[in-house]
Structures are given as structure tokens and as C-alpha cells.
C-alpha atoms as a PDB file:
ATOM      1  CA  MET A   1       0.000   0.000   0.000  1.00  0.00           C
ATOM      2  CA  LEU A   2       1.296   3.439  -0.912  1.00  0.00           C
ATOM      3  CA  SER A   3       1.804   5.942   1.879  1.00  0.00           C
ATOM      4  CA  GLN A   4       0.341   9.449   1.691  1.00  0.00           C
ATOM      5  CA  GLU A   5       3.887  10.766   1.255  1.00  0.00           C
ATOM      6  CA  ASP A   6       4.483   8.410  -1.693  1.00  0.00           C
ATOM      7  CA  LEU A   7       1.169   9.434  -3.273  1.00  0.00           C
ATOM      8  CA  LYS A   8       2.036  13.124  -2.949  1.00  0.00           C
ATOM      9  CA  GLU A   9       5.470  12.532  -4.483  1.00  0.00           C
ATOM     10  CA  LEU A  10       4.002  10.605  -7.422  1.00  0.00           C
ATOM     11  CA  GLU A  11       1.155  13.077  -7.906  1.00  0.00           C
ATOM     12  CA  SER A  12       3.673  15.922  -8.046  1.00  0.00           C
ATOM     13  CA  LYS A  13       5.713  14.015 -10.622  1.00  0.00           C
ATOM     14  CA  LEU A  14       2.587  13.352 -12.702  1.00  0.00           C
ATOM     15  CA  LEU A  15       1.535  17.010 -12.569  1.00  0.00           C
ATOM     16  CA  ARG A  16       4.996  18.104 -13.779  1.00  0.00           C
ATOM     17  CA  GLU A  17       4.860  15.529 -16.569  1.00  0.00           C
ATOM     18  CA  LYS A  18       1.353  16.697 -17.534  1.00  0.00           C
ATOM     19  CA  SER A  19       2.546  20.281 -17.801  1.00  0.00           C
ATOM     20  CA  GLU A  20       5.626  19.293 -19.837  1.00  0.00           C
ATOM     21  CA  LEU A  21       3.559  17.177 -22.222  1.00  0.00           C
ATOM     22  CA  GLU A  22       1.022  19.964 -22.740  1.00  0.00           C
ATOM     23  CA  SER A  23       3.882  22.362 -23.602  1.00  0.00           C
ATOM     24  CA  GLU A  24       5.448  19.849 -25.993  1.00  0.00           C
ATOM     25  CA  ILE A  25       2.103  19.300 -27.721  1.00  0.00           C
ATOM     26  CA  GLN A  26       1.642  23.050 -28.170  1.00  0.00           C
ATOM     27  CA  ASN A  27       5.149  23.370 -29.627  1.00  0.00           C
ATOM     28  CA  VAL A  28       4.591  20.512 -32.075  1.00  0.00           C
ATOM     29  CA  GLU A  29       1.269  21.961 -33.187  1.00  0.00           C
ATOM     30  CA  LYS A  30       2.801  25.446 -33.629  1.00  0.00           C
ATOM     31  CA  THR A  31       5.550  24.091 -35.867  1.00  0.00           C
ATOM     32  CA  ALA A  32       3.244  22.054 -38.086  1.00  0.00           C
ATOM     33  CA  PRO A  33       4.101  22.602 -41.753  1.00  0.00           C
ATOM     34  CA  ASP A  34       2.038  25.118 -43.647  1.00  0.00           C
ATOM     35  CA  PHE A  35       0.590  23.421 -46.696  1.00  0.00           C
ATOM     36  CA  GLY A  36       0.029  26.123 -49.200  1.00  0.00           C
ATOM     37  CA  THR A  37       0.348  26.737 -52.881  1.00  0.00           C
ATOM     38  CA  ASP A  38       3.828  28.135 -52.460  1.00  0.00           C
ATOM     39  CA  THR A  39       5.541  24.844 -53.264  1.00  0.00           C
ATOM     40  CA  ASP A  40       7.747  24.968 -56.320  1.00  0.00           C
ATOM     41  CA  SER A  41       8.054  21.281 -57.005  1.00  0.00           C
ATOM     42  CA  PHE A  42       6.770  17.820 -56.294  1.00  0.00           C
ATOM     43  CA  GLU A  43       9.864  17.234 -54.127  1.00  0.00           C
ATOM     44  CA  GLU A  44       8.958  20.170 -51.905  1.00  0.00           C
ATOM     45  CA  GLU A  45       5.391  18.889 -51.554  1.00  0.00           C
ATOM     46  CA  SER A  46       6.754  15.448 -50.738  1.00  0.00           C
ATOM     47  CA  ASP A  47       9.074  16.900 -48.084  1.00  0.00           C
ATOM     48  CA  GLU A  48       6.175  18.804 -46.502  1.00  0.00           C
ATOM     49  CA  ALA A  49       4.017  15.694 -46.481  1.00  0.00           C
ATOM     50  CA  GLU A  50       6.793  13.693 -44.837  1.00  0.00           C
ATOM     51  CA  GLU A  51       7.329  16.387 -42.209  1.00  0.00           C
ATOM     52  CA  PHE A  52       3.589  16.499 -41.515  1.00  0.00           C
ATOM     53  CA  SER A  53       3.491  12.724 -41.104  1.00  0.00           C
ATOM     54  CA  THR A  54       6.396  12.804 -38.657  1.00  0.00           C
ATOM     55  CA  GLN A  55       4.893  15.638 -36.619  1.00  0.00           C
ATOM     56  CA  PHE A  56       1.479  13.963 -36.626  1.00  0.00           C
ATOM     57  CA  GLY A  57       3.051  10.807 -35.179  1.00  0.00           C
ATOM     58  CA  ILE A  58       4.888  12.778 -32.504  1.00  0.00           C
ATOM     59  CA  ASP A  59       1.738  14.728 -31.617  1.00  0.00           C
ATOM     60  CA  ARG A  60      -0.308  11.551 -31.362  1.00  0.00           C
ATOM     61  CA  THR A  61       2.275   9.837 -29.129  1.00  0.00           C
ATOM     62  CA  LEU A  62       2.458  12.868 -26.838  1.00  0.00           C
ATOM     63  CA  LYS A  63      -1.337  13.020 -26.584  1.00  0.00           C
ATOM     64  CA  GLU A  64      -1.519   9.314 -25.728  1.00  0.00           C
ATOM     65  CA  ARG A  65       1.062   9.821 -22.970  1.00  0.00           C
ATOM     66  CA  LEU A  66      -0.890  12.836 -21.717  1.00  0.00           C
ATOM     67  CA  ASP A  67      -4.060  10.725 -21.587  1.00  0.00           C
ATOM     68  CA  ASP A  68      -2.203   8.113 -19.502  1.00  0.00           C
ATOM     69  CA  VAL A  69      -0.947  10.804 -17.110  1.00  0.00           C
ATOM     70  CA  LYS A  70      -4.445  12.282 -16.756  1.00  0.00           C
ATOM     71  CA  ALA A  71      -5.871   8.811 -16.090  1.00  0.00           C
ATOM     72  CA  ALA A  72      -3.262   8.223 -13.364  1.00  0.00           C
ATOM     73  CA  LEU A  73      -4.138  11.565 -11.745  1.00  0.00           C
ATOM     74  CA  GLU A  74      -7.833  10.620 -11.812  1.00  0.00           C
ATOM     75  CA  LYS A  75      -6.978   7.310 -10.136  1.00  0.00           C
ATOM     76  CA  ILE A  76      -5.162   9.166  -7.365  1.00  0.00           C
ATOM     77  CA  GLY A  77      -8.316  11.198  -6.819  1.00  0.00           C
ATOM     78  CA  SER A  78     -10.551   8.122  -6.743  1.00  0.00           C
ATOM     79  CA  GLY A  79      -8.245   5.975  -4.603  1.00  0.00           C
ATOM     80  CA  ALA A  80      -7.553   3.439  -7.355  1.00  0.00           C
ATOM     81  CA  TYR A  81      -3.984   4.556  -8.084  1.00  0.00           C
ATOM     82  CA  GLY A  82      -1.304   1.879  -7.897  1.00  0.00           C
ATOM     83  CA  MET A  83      -3.658  -0.994  -8.697  1.00  0.00           C
ATOM     84  CA  CYS A  84      -2.946  -3.162 -11.762  1.00  0.00           C
ATOM     85  CA  GLU A  85      -5.721  -2.999 -14.351  1.00  0.00           C
ATOM     86  CA  LYS A  86      -5.222  -6.674 -15.280  1.00  0.00           C
ATOM     87  CA  CYS A  87      -4.733  -8.657 -12.075  1.00  0.00           C
ATOM     88  CA  ARG A  88      -5.964  -5.964  -9.628  1.00  0.00           C
ATOM     89  CA  GLY A  89      -2.752  -6.468  -7.639  1.00  0.00           C
ATOM     90  CA  GLU A  90      -0.567  -3.702  -6.310  1.00  0.00           C
ATOM     91  CA  ILE A  91       1.915  -1.961  -8.604  1.00  0.00           C
ATOM     92  CA  SER A  92       5.233  -1.646  -6.806  1.00  0.00           C
ATOM     93  CA  LEU A  93       6.439   1.741  -5.620  1.00  0.00           C
ATOM     94  CA  GLU A  94       9.692   1.114  -7.492  1.00  0.00           C
ATOM     95  CA  LEU A  95       7.814   0.734 -10.798  1.00  0.00           C
ATOM     96  CA  LEU A  96       5.578   3.740 -10.116  1.00  0.00           C
ATOM     97  CA  ARG A  97       8.612   5.906  -9.430  1.00  0.00           C
ATOM     98  CA  LEU A  98      10.019   4.898 -12.831  1.00  0.00           C
ATOM     99  CA  ASP A  99       6.707   5.040 -14.668  1.00  0.00           C
ATOM    100  CA  PRO A 100       4.132   6.900 -12.541  1.00  0.00           C
ATOM    101  CA  GLU A 101       1.383   6.502 -15.130  1.00  0.00           C
ATOM    102  CA  SER A 102       1.843   2.726 -15.227  1.00  0.00           C
ATOM    103  CA  ARG A 103      -1.417   0.821 -15.564  1.00  0.00           C
ATOM    104  CA  TYR A 104       0.035  -2.643 -14.952  1.00  0.00           C
ATOM    105  CA  CYS A 105       2.226  -4.366 -12.397  1.00  0.00           C
ATOM    106  CA  ARG A 106       5.618  -5.688 -13.453  1.00  0.00           C
ATOM    107  CA  GLN A 107       4.333  -9.259 -13.881  1.00  0.00           C
ATOM    108  CA  CYS A 108       1.409  -8.280 -16.095  1.00  0.00           C
ATOM    109  CA  LYS A 109       3.673  -6.013 -18.176  1.00  0.00           C
ATOM    110  CA  GLN A 110       5.968  -8.961 -18.858  1.00  0.00           C
ATOM    111  CA  VAL A 111       3.127 -11.287 -19.818  1.00  0.00           C
ATOM    112  CA  GLY A 112       1.305  -8.714 -21.761  1.00  0.00           C
END
């Protein structure tokens, strides 16, 4: 069982991560390529499309991580934080310190 001190430490870490992810998402969205009619060649259009694809993938990954962080924060609020979603066992403090948004215990992660 996690102590109140451990929960506060992990919640603080999650809140910092949430803020960092939100900033990263804003930066990625600000630097999205501008698809206009100003391209001079097919190669330039191809380069823009490739850049868009890369940034879209980064944005999507960041948003998925942000969703995981938000879910972990909700679990702290509801008292369900630190419980494995598969086996309903306890997620170790060691694992939560490494991956505070973890949804699974070490054993279920290995099987999974």
C-alpha cells in the first residue's frame, strides 16, 4: 500500500509531466508545416508531407502519454492509483517511481 507521502510525491511528478507534455504538444502543433500553394516542385510537396506525417506521429504519441498521465491523476483522486488494471494487484512503488502513469504491475507487463 502506498503511503500518503508516496502518493504526494508521485502526484507531483505526474503534474509536472502533464505540464511538460502539454507544452510539448503546443510546440509541435505550432511548428506544423504550412501546406500552401507556395511549393515549387513535387519534391517540396513530398518533403512537406513527410514532415507532416512525422509531426502527426509525434503529436499523437504525446497526446496518448498525456491521456495516460491524466488517467493516473484521476486514479489518485478516486483511490484506485497503484492498482494493476489486469490482475488488480498492487503496482510496486519502485515501478511507479520509474513510470508513474503505469497501468500494470511488473508481472502483467511482462506477460502482456
